[in-house]
């Protein structure tokens, strides 16, 4: 009974970790690590099946965000790898990241779109919570502000 409770806690903990880890490269490294880890921890690899199910839940969102870097880069004539680099530097690819800016307020999401732009974005129907829940919207918004800045 104790072993099952510990396994459930472990599955929950790794599920939380997967909510934070949302990049293709990091996810693939994480999956490889899970393969090694679960073979040692469980008998018969039962934990591996749970981990695989959790990983598959997030693959669609990860692929969508990857495509959005390419699409936003094309639409705003910005190198997609530059957008990825900015996202990594600003949020470590965390969709729900919030960063404090002592001068203007705070930044939201992957691209850390600054709160000073929220009034302007509201005119287009973009709410602050959209920037932390919709990776594609955040990437496009960040690319837009980068394009008009340069």
N, C-alpha and C. Protein backbone atom coordinates (compact mmCIF):
# COMPACT_ATOMS: atom_id res chain seq x y z
N UNK A 1 0.82 -1.19 0.00
CA UNK A 1 0.00 0.00 0.00
C UNK A 1 0.86 1.26 0.00
N UNK A 2 1.93 1.25 0.79
CA UNK A 2 2.82 2.41 0.86
C UNK A 2 3.50 2.63 -0.49
N UNK A 3 3.88 1.52 -1.15
CA UNK A 3 4.55 1.64 -2.44
C UNK A 3 3.62 2.30 -3.47
N UNK A 4 2.35 1.95 -3.48
CA UNK A 4 1.40 2.54 -4.43
C UNK A 4 1.23 4.03 -4.15
N UNK A 5 1.13 4.41 -2.89
CA UNK A 5 1.00 5.82 -2.54
C UNK A 5 2.23 6.60 -2.98
N UNK A 6 3.41 6.02 -2.79
CA UNK A 6 4.64 6.69 -3.22
C UNK A 6 4.69 6.83 -4.73
N UNK A 7 4.22 5.81 -5.45
CA UNK A 7 4.20 5.89 -6.91
C UNK A 7 3.23 6.98 -7.37
N UNK A 8 2.09 7.09 -6.72
CA UNK A 8 1.13 8.12 -7.09
C UNK A 8 1.70 9.51 -6.84
N UNK A 9 2.40 9.68 -5.73
CA UNK A 9 3.04 10.96 -5.44
C UNK A 9 4.09 11.28 -6.49
N UNK A 10 4.85 10.26 -6.90
CA UNK A 10 5.89 10.46 -7.90
C UNK A 10 5.29 10.84 -9.25
N UNK A 11 4.20 10.18 -9.63
CA UNK A 11 3.54 10.51 -10.90
C UNK A 11 3.03 11.94 -10.85
N UNK A 12 2.43 12.35 -9.74
CA UNK A 12 1.95 13.72 -9.60
C UNK A 12 3.11 14.70 -9.69
N UNK A 13 4.21 14.41 -9.00
CA UNK A 13 5.37 15.31 -9.01
C UNK A 13 5.91 15.47 -10.43
N UNK A 14 6.02 14.38 -11.16
CA UNK A 14 6.54 14.49 -12.53
C UNK A 14 5.54 15.18 -13.44
N UNK A 15 4.25 15.04 -13.16
CA UNK A 15 3.25 15.78 -13.92
C UNK A 15 3.42 17.28 -13.73
N UNK A 16 3.71 17.69 -12.51
CA UNK A 16 3.95 19.11 -12.24
C UNK A 16 5.20 19.57 -12.96
N UNK A 17 6.25 18.74 -12.94
CA UNK A 17 7.49 19.09 -13.64
C UNK A 17 7.21 19.26 -15.13
N UNK A 18 6.38 18.40 -15.70
CA UNK A 18 6.07 18.51 -17.13
C UNK A 18 5.31 19.79 -17.45
N UNK A 19 4.57 20.31 -16.51
CA UNK A 19 3.89 21.58 -16.76
C UNK A 19 4.89 22.71 -16.95
N UNK A 20 6.06 22.57 -16.33
CA UNK A 20 7.08 23.59 -16.44
C UNK A 20 7.98 23.35 -17.65
N UNK A 21 8.28 22.08 -17.92
CA UNK A 21 9.18 21.74 -19.01
C UNK A 21 8.37 21.65 -20.30
N UNK A 22 8.54 22.61 -21.20
CA UNK A 22 7.70 22.65 -22.40
C UNK A 22 8.49 22.85 -23.68
N UNK A 23 9.75 22.55 -23.69
CA UNK A 23 10.49 22.69 -24.93
C UNK A 23 10.78 21.32 -25.49
N UNK A 24 10.90 21.24 -26.79
CA UNK A 24 11.13 19.96 -27.43
C UNK A 24 12.43 19.34 -26.97
N UNK A 25 13.51 20.11 -26.94
CA UNK A 25 14.80 19.56 -26.54
C UNK A 25 14.79 19.11 -25.09
N UNK A 26 14.31 19.94 -24.21
CA UNK A 26 14.27 19.57 -22.80
C UNK A 26 13.33 18.41 -22.57
N UNK A 27 12.20 18.38 -23.28
CA UNK A 27 11.26 17.29 -23.10
C UNK A 27 11.86 15.97 -23.55
N UNK A 28 12.57 15.96 -24.67
CA UNK A 28 13.16 14.71 -25.14
C UNK A 28 14.23 14.22 -24.17
N UNK A 29 15.03 15.14 -23.62
CA UNK A 29 16.01 14.75 -22.60
C UNK A 29 15.31 14.21 -21.37
N UNK A 30 14.21 14.85 -20.98
CA UNK A 30 13.46 14.42 -19.82
C UNK A 30 12.88 13.03 -20.03
N UNK A 31 12.32 12.77 -21.21
CA UNK A 31 11.74 11.46 -21.50
C UNK A 31 12.81 10.38 -21.44
N UNK A 32 13.99 10.66 -21.98
CA UNK A 32 15.08 9.69 -21.90
C UNK A 32 15.45 9.41 -20.45
N UNK A 33 15.50 10.45 -19.64
CA UNK A 33 15.83 10.28 -18.23
C UNK A 33 14.75 9.46 -17.54
N UNK A 34 13.48 9.72 -17.87
CA UNK A 34 12.38 8.98 -17.26
C UNK A 34 12.48 7.50 -17.61
N UNK A 35 12.85 7.20 -18.85
CA UNK A 35 13.00 5.80 -19.25
C UNK A 35 14.00 5.09 -18.35
N UNK A 36 15.13 5.72 -18.12
CA UNK A 36 16.15 5.12 -17.26
C UNK A 36 15.65 5.02 -15.83
N UNK A 37 15.04 6.08 -15.34
CA UNK A 37 14.61 6.15 -13.95
C UNK A 37 13.51 5.14 -13.65
N UNK A 38 12.51 5.05 -14.50
CA UNK A 38 11.37 4.19 -14.19
C UNK A 38 11.73 2.72 -14.28
N UNK A 39 12.67 2.35 -15.12
CA UNK A 39 13.09 0.95 -15.17
C UNK A 39 13.71 0.53 -13.84
N UNK A 40 14.39 1.45 -13.17
CA UNK A 40 15.05 1.12 -11.91
C UNK A 40 14.08 1.18 -10.73
N UNK A 41 13.08 2.03 -10.81
CA UNK A 41 12.20 2.25 -9.66
C UNK A 41 11.06 1.25 -9.59
N UNK A 42 10.53 0.84 -10.72
CA UNK A 42 9.34 -0.01 -10.70
C UNK A 42 9.63 -1.39 -11.24
N UNK A 43 8.77 -2.32 -10.82
CA UNK A 43 8.86 -3.67 -11.38
C UNK A 43 7.98 -3.73 -12.62
N UNK A 44 8.52 -4.19 -13.69
CA UNK A 44 7.74 -4.36 -14.91
C UNK A 44 7.47 -3.08 -15.68
N UNK A 45 8.01 -1.98 -15.25
CA UNK A 45 7.86 -0.73 -15.98
C UNK A 45 6.46 -0.13 -15.95
N UNK A 46 5.67 -0.42 -14.90
CA UNK A 46 4.31 0.14 -14.81
C UNK A 46 4.35 1.66 -14.76
N UNK A 47 5.34 2.19 -14.06
CA UNK A 47 5.45 3.64 -13.95
C UNK A 47 5.74 4.25 -15.32
N UNK A 48 6.46 3.53 -16.15
CA UNK A 48 6.81 4.03 -17.48
C UNK A 48 5.55 4.33 -18.29
N UNK A 49 4.54 3.48 -18.17
CA UNK A 49 3.31 3.71 -18.91
C UNK A 49 2.64 5.01 -18.48
N UNK A 50 2.62 5.28 -17.18
CA UNK A 50 2.04 6.53 -16.68
C UNK A 50 2.83 7.72 -17.16
N UNK A 51 4.15 7.62 -17.10
CA UNK A 51 4.99 8.73 -17.52
C UNK A 51 4.81 9.00 -19.02
N UNK A 52 4.71 7.95 -19.81
CA UNK A 52 4.50 8.12 -21.24
C UNK A 52 3.17 8.82 -21.51
N UNK A 53 2.14 8.44 -20.78
CA UNK A 53 0.83 9.08 -20.96
C UNK A 53 0.90 10.56 -20.62
N UNK A 54 1.58 10.90 -19.54
CA UNK A 54 1.71 12.30 -19.15
C UNK A 54 2.50 13.07 -20.20
N UNK A 55 3.59 12.48 -20.69
CA UNK A 55 4.41 13.14 -21.72
C UNK A 55 3.60 13.40 -22.99
N UNK A 56 2.81 12.42 -23.40
CA UNK A 56 2.04 12.57 -24.63
C UNK A 56 0.98 13.66 -24.52
N UNK A 57 0.51 13.93 -23.32
CA UNK A 57 -0.50 14.98 -23.14
C UNK A 57 0.04 16.35 -23.55
N UNK A 58 1.34 16.55 -23.40
CA UNK A 58 1.91 17.87 -23.64
C UNK A 58 2.60 18.01 -24.99
N UNK A 59 2.72 16.92 -25.74
CA UNK A 59 3.42 16.98 -27.02
C UNK A 59 2.70 17.91 -28.00
N UNK A 60 1.38 17.87 -28.04
CA UNK A 60 0.63 18.73 -28.97
C UNK A 60 0.92 20.20 -28.70
N UNK A 61 0.89 20.61 -27.43
CA UNK A 61 1.15 22.01 -27.11
C UNK A 61 2.58 22.40 -27.45
N UNK A 62 3.52 21.51 -27.22
CA UNK A 62 4.92 21.79 -27.52
C UNK A 62 5.10 21.97 -29.02
N UNK A 63 4.51 21.08 -29.81
CA UNK A 63 4.61 21.19 -31.26
C UNK A 63 3.94 22.47 -31.75
N UNK A 64 2.82 22.83 -31.15
CA UNK A 64 2.12 24.05 -31.54
C UNK A 64 3.00 25.26 -31.30
N UNK A 65 3.64 25.32 -30.13
CA UNK A 65 4.51 26.47 -29.82
C UNK A 65 5.68 26.51 -30.77
N UNK A 66 6.25 25.37 -31.11
CA UNK A 66 7.38 25.33 -32.04
C UNK A 66 6.95 25.88 -33.40
N UNK A 67 5.79 25.47 -33.88
CA UNK A 67 5.29 26.00 -35.15
C UNK A 67 5.04 27.50 -35.06
N UNK A 68 4.60 27.98 -33.93
CA UNK A 68 4.30 29.40 -33.78
C UNK A 68 5.55 30.26 -33.88
N UNK A 69 6.67 29.78 -33.40
CA UNK A 69 7.91 30.54 -33.57
C UNK A 69 8.21 30.71 -35.06
N UNK A 70 8.05 29.62 -35.81
CA UNK A 70 8.30 29.69 -37.25
C UNK A 70 7.30 30.59 -37.96
N UNK A 71 6.03 30.45 -37.63
CA UNK A 71 4.99 31.26 -38.28
C UNK A 71 5.11 32.74 -37.94
N UNK A 72 5.32 33.05 -36.67
CA UNK A 72 5.47 34.45 -36.26
C UNK A 72 6.72 35.05 -36.88
N UNK A 73 7.79 34.28 -36.94
CA UNK A 73 9.02 34.76 -37.56
C UNK A 73 8.81 35.08 -39.03
N UNK A 74 8.08 34.21 -39.72
CA UNK A 74 7.79 34.46 -41.13
C UNK A 74 6.90 35.69 -41.30
N UNK A 75 5.85 35.78 -40.50
CA UNK A 75 4.90 36.88 -40.64
C UNK A 75 5.51 38.24 -40.32
N UNK A 76 6.41 38.29 -39.35
CA UNK A 76 7.01 39.57 -38.95
C UNK A 76 8.44 39.75 -39.45
N UNK A 77 8.88 38.81 -40.31
CA UNK A 77 10.22 38.87 -40.91
C UNK A 77 11.31 38.96 -39.83
N UNK A 78 11.20 38.05 -38.86
CA UNK A 78 12.17 37.91 -37.78
C UNK A 78 12.63 36.46 -37.79
N UNK A 79 13.92 36.25 -37.61
CA UNK A 79 14.45 34.90 -37.57
C UNK A 79 13.77 34.12 -36.42
N UNK A 80 13.13 32.98 -36.72
CA UNK A 80 12.46 32.21 -35.66
C UNK A 80 13.42 31.79 -34.54
N UNK A 81 14.67 31.55 -34.89
CA UNK A 81 15.63 31.18 -33.85
C UNK A 81 15.90 32.35 -32.91
N UNK A 82 15.81 33.58 -33.41
CA UNK A 82 15.94 34.74 -32.53
C UNK A 82 14.75 34.79 -31.57
N UNK A 83 13.55 34.51 -32.07
CA UNK A 83 12.38 34.48 -31.19
C UNK A 83 12.52 33.38 -30.14
N UNK A 84 13.02 32.22 -30.55
CA UNK A 84 13.24 31.14 -29.58
C UNK A 84 14.27 31.55 -28.53
N UNK A 85 15.34 32.22 -28.97
CA UNK A 85 16.38 32.65 -28.04
C UNK A 85 15.83 33.68 -27.05
N UNK A 86 15.01 34.59 -27.53
CA UNK A 86 14.40 35.58 -26.63
C UNK A 86 13.49 34.88 -25.62
N UNK A 87 12.70 33.93 -26.11
CA UNK A 87 11.80 33.20 -25.22
C UNK A 87 12.58 32.42 -24.16
N UNK A 88 13.68 31.81 -24.56
CA UNK A 88 14.51 31.07 -23.61
C UNK A 88 15.10 32.01 -22.56
N UNK A 89 15.62 33.13 -23.01
CA UNK A 89 16.23 34.09 -22.09
C UNK A 89 15.19 34.70 -21.15
N UNK A 90 14.03 35.02 -21.68
CA UNK A 90 13.01 35.71 -20.88
C UNK A 90 12.26 34.79 -19.93
N UNK A 91 11.95 33.56 -20.37
CA UNK A 91 11.07 32.71 -19.56
C UNK A 91 11.51 31.26 -19.44
N UNK A 92 12.63 30.91 -20.05
CA UNK A 92 13.06 29.50 -20.09
C UNK A 92 11.95 28.62 -20.68
N UNK A 93 11.25 29.18 -21.69
CA UNK A 93 10.16 28.50 -22.41
C UNK A 93 8.98 28.13 -21.50
N UNK A 94 8.78 28.84 -20.44
CA UNK A 94 7.63 28.57 -19.56
C UNK A 94 6.45 29.43 -20.02
N UNK A 95 5.38 28.76 -20.40
CA UNK A 95 4.20 29.45 -20.94
C UNK A 95 3.58 30.37 -19.89
N UNK A 96 3.58 29.95 -18.64
CA UNK A 96 2.90 30.71 -17.59
C UNK A 96 3.85 31.59 -16.77
N UNK A 97 5.01 31.90 -17.31
CA UNK A 97 6.00 32.69 -16.56
C UNK A 97 5.52 34.12 -16.34
N UNK A 98 5.79 34.63 -15.15
CA UNK A 98 5.52 36.03 -14.81
C UNK A 98 6.84 36.59 -14.29
N UNK A 99 7.30 37.67 -14.91
CA UNK A 99 8.56 38.30 -14.50
C UNK A 99 8.32 39.72 -14.04
N UNK A 100 8.93 40.08 -12.93
CA UNK A 100 8.75 41.43 -12.37
C UNK A 100 9.68 42.40 -13.08
N UNK A 101 9.12 43.53 -13.49
CA UNK A 101 9.89 44.62 -14.07
C UNK A 101 9.68 45.83 -13.16
N UNK A 102 10.71 46.25 -12.43
CA UNK A 102 10.52 47.32 -11.45
C UNK A 102 10.10 48.66 -12.06
N UNK A 103 10.34 48.86 -13.34
CA UNK A 103 10.01 50.14 -13.97
C UNK A 103 8.58 50.16 -14.51
N UNK A 104 8.21 49.11 -15.24
CA UNK A 104 6.92 49.14 -15.94
C UNK A 104 5.88 48.17 -15.39
N UNK A 105 6.21 47.32 -14.48
CA UNK A 105 5.23 46.37 -13.94
C UNK A 105 5.72 44.95 -13.99
N UNK A 106 5.21 44.18 -14.97
CA UNK A 106 5.62 42.79 -15.08
C UNK A 106 5.48 42.31 -16.52
N UNK A 107 6.16 41.19 -16.82
CA UNK A 107 6.07 40.56 -18.12
C UNK A 107 5.31 39.25 -18.01
N UNK A 108 4.62 38.85 -19.08
CA UNK A 108 3.78 37.66 -19.06
C UNK A 108 4.18 36.67 -20.14
N UNK A 109 4.25 35.41 -19.77
CA UNK A 109 4.37 34.32 -20.71
C UNK A 109 5.75 34.11 -21.30
N UNK A 110 5.76 33.32 -22.37
CA UNK A 110 6.99 32.92 -23.04
C UNK A 110 7.89 34.09 -23.41
N UNK A 111 7.30 35.10 -24.02
CA UNK A 111 8.07 36.24 -24.53
C UNK A 111 8.10 37.41 -23.55
N UNK A 112 7.52 37.23 -22.37
CA UNK A 112 7.49 38.27 -21.33
C UNK A 112 6.96 39.59 -21.88
N UNK A 113 5.78 39.53 -22.47
CA UNK A 113 5.11 40.73 -22.97
C UNK A 113 4.83 41.63 -21.77
N UNK A 114 5.28 42.87 -21.84
CA UNK A 114 5.23 43.77 -20.69
C UNK A 114 3.82 44.29 -20.42
N UNK A 115 3.53 44.48 -19.15
CA UNK A 115 2.19 44.92 -18.74
C UNK A 115 1.86 46.33 -19.23
N UNK A 116 2.84 47.11 -19.61
CA UNK A 116 2.55 48.44 -20.14
C UNK A 116 1.76 48.38 -21.45
N UNK A 117 1.76 47.23 -22.11
CA UNK A 117 1.06 47.07 -23.39
C UNK A 117 -0.36 46.52 -23.23
N UNK A 118 -0.77 46.20 -22.01
CA UNK A 118 -2.05 45.53 -21.81
C UNK A 118 -3.25 46.37 -22.27
N UNK A 119 -3.21 47.67 -22.07
CA UNK A 119 -4.33 48.51 -22.52
C UNK A 119 -4.46 48.48 -24.04
N UNK A 120 -3.33 48.55 -24.73
CA UNK A 120 -3.36 48.47 -26.19
C UNK A 120 -3.85 47.11 -26.65
N UNK A 121 -3.37 46.05 -26.01
CA UNK A 121 -3.77 44.70 -26.39
C UNK A 121 -5.25 44.46 -26.13
N UNK A 122 -5.80 45.09 -25.10
CA UNK A 122 -7.22 44.93 -24.78
C UNK A 122 -8.11 45.40 -25.93
N UNK A 123 -7.64 46.38 -26.68
CA UNK A 123 -8.42 46.86 -27.83
C UNK A 123 -8.58 45.78 -28.90
N UNK A 124 -7.66 44.81 -28.90
CA UNK A 124 -7.72 43.71 -29.87
C UNK A 124 -8.29 42.45 -29.25
N UNK A 125 -8.81 42.57 -28.03
CA UNK A 125 -9.41 41.41 -27.37
C UNK A 125 -8.42 40.49 -26.69
N UNK A 126 -7.18 40.93 -26.53
CA UNK A 126 -6.16 40.11 -25.89
C UNK A 126 -6.09 40.50 -24.42
N UNK A 127 -6.39 39.55 -23.55
CA UNK A 127 -6.35 39.79 -22.11
C UNK A 127 -5.03 39.27 -21.55
N UNK A 128 -4.59 39.80 -20.42
CA UNK A 128 -3.33 39.33 -19.82
C UNK A 128 -3.30 37.82 -19.58
N UNK A 129 -4.44 37.24 -19.20
CA UNK A 129 -4.45 35.79 -18.95
C UNK A 129 -4.26 35.00 -20.24
N UNK A 130 -4.62 35.57 -21.39
CA UNK A 130 -4.37 34.88 -22.66
C UNK A 130 -2.87 34.71 -22.89
N UNK A 131 -2.10 35.69 -22.45
CA UNK A 131 -0.66 35.65 -22.69
C UNK A 131 0.05 34.58 -21.87
N UNK A 132 -0.58 34.13 -20.78
CA UNK A 132 0.03 33.09 -19.96
C UNK A 132 -0.61 31.72 -20.18
N UNK A 133 -1.62 31.65 -21.03
CA UNK A 133 -2.26 30.36 -21.29
C UNK A 133 -2.19 29.94 -22.75
N UNK A 134 -1.98 30.87 -23.64
CA UNK A 134 -1.93 30.56 -25.08
C UNK A 134 -0.53 30.87 -25.60
N UNK A 135 0.31 29.84 -25.76
CA UNK A 135 1.69 30.10 -26.18
C UNK A 135 1.79 30.78 -27.54
N UNK A 136 0.91 30.42 -28.46
CA UNK A 136 0.98 31.01 -29.80
C UNK A 136 0.65 32.50 -29.76
N UNK A 137 -0.36 32.87 -29.00
CA UNK A 137 -0.71 34.28 -28.89
C UNK A 137 0.44 35.07 -28.28
N UNK A 138 1.09 34.50 -27.28
CA UNK A 138 2.20 35.19 -26.63
C UNK A 138 3.37 35.36 -27.60
N UNK A 139 3.68 34.33 -28.36
CA UNK A 139 4.78 34.40 -29.32
C UNK A 139 4.49 35.45 -30.38
N UNK A 140 3.27 35.44 -30.93
CA UNK A 140 2.90 36.44 -31.93
C UNK A 140 2.93 37.85 -31.37
N UNK A 141 2.46 38.02 -30.13
CA UNK A 141 2.46 39.34 -29.51
C UNK A 141 3.89 39.83 -29.29
N UNK A 142 4.75 38.94 -28.79
CA UNK A 142 6.15 39.32 -28.60
C UNK A 142 6.84 39.65 -29.91
N UNK A 143 6.54 38.87 -30.96
CA UNK A 143 7.13 39.14 -32.27
C UNK A 143 6.63 40.47 -32.83
N UNK A 144 5.37 40.78 -32.60
CA UNK A 144 4.80 42.05 -33.05
C UNK A 144 5.55 43.22 -32.42
N UNK A 145 5.72 43.19 -31.10
CA UNK A 145 6.40 44.30 -30.43
C UNK A 145 7.88 44.38 -30.81
N UNK A 146 8.49 43.24 -31.06
CA UNK A 146 9.88 43.26 -31.52
C UNK A 146 9.95 43.88 -32.92
N UNK A 147 9.00 43.53 -33.78
CA UNK A 147 9.01 44.06 -35.16
C UNK A 147 8.80 45.57 -35.19
N UNK A 148 7.89 46.09 -34.36
CA UNK A 148 7.65 47.53 -34.41
C UNK A 148 8.76 48.31 -33.69
N UNK A 149 9.52 47.62 -32.85
CA UNK A 149 10.62 48.30 -32.14
C UNK A 149 11.84 48.48 -33.04
N UNK A 150 11.98 47.62 -34.05
CA UNK A 150 13.19 47.70 -34.90
C UNK A 150 12.84 47.81 -36.34
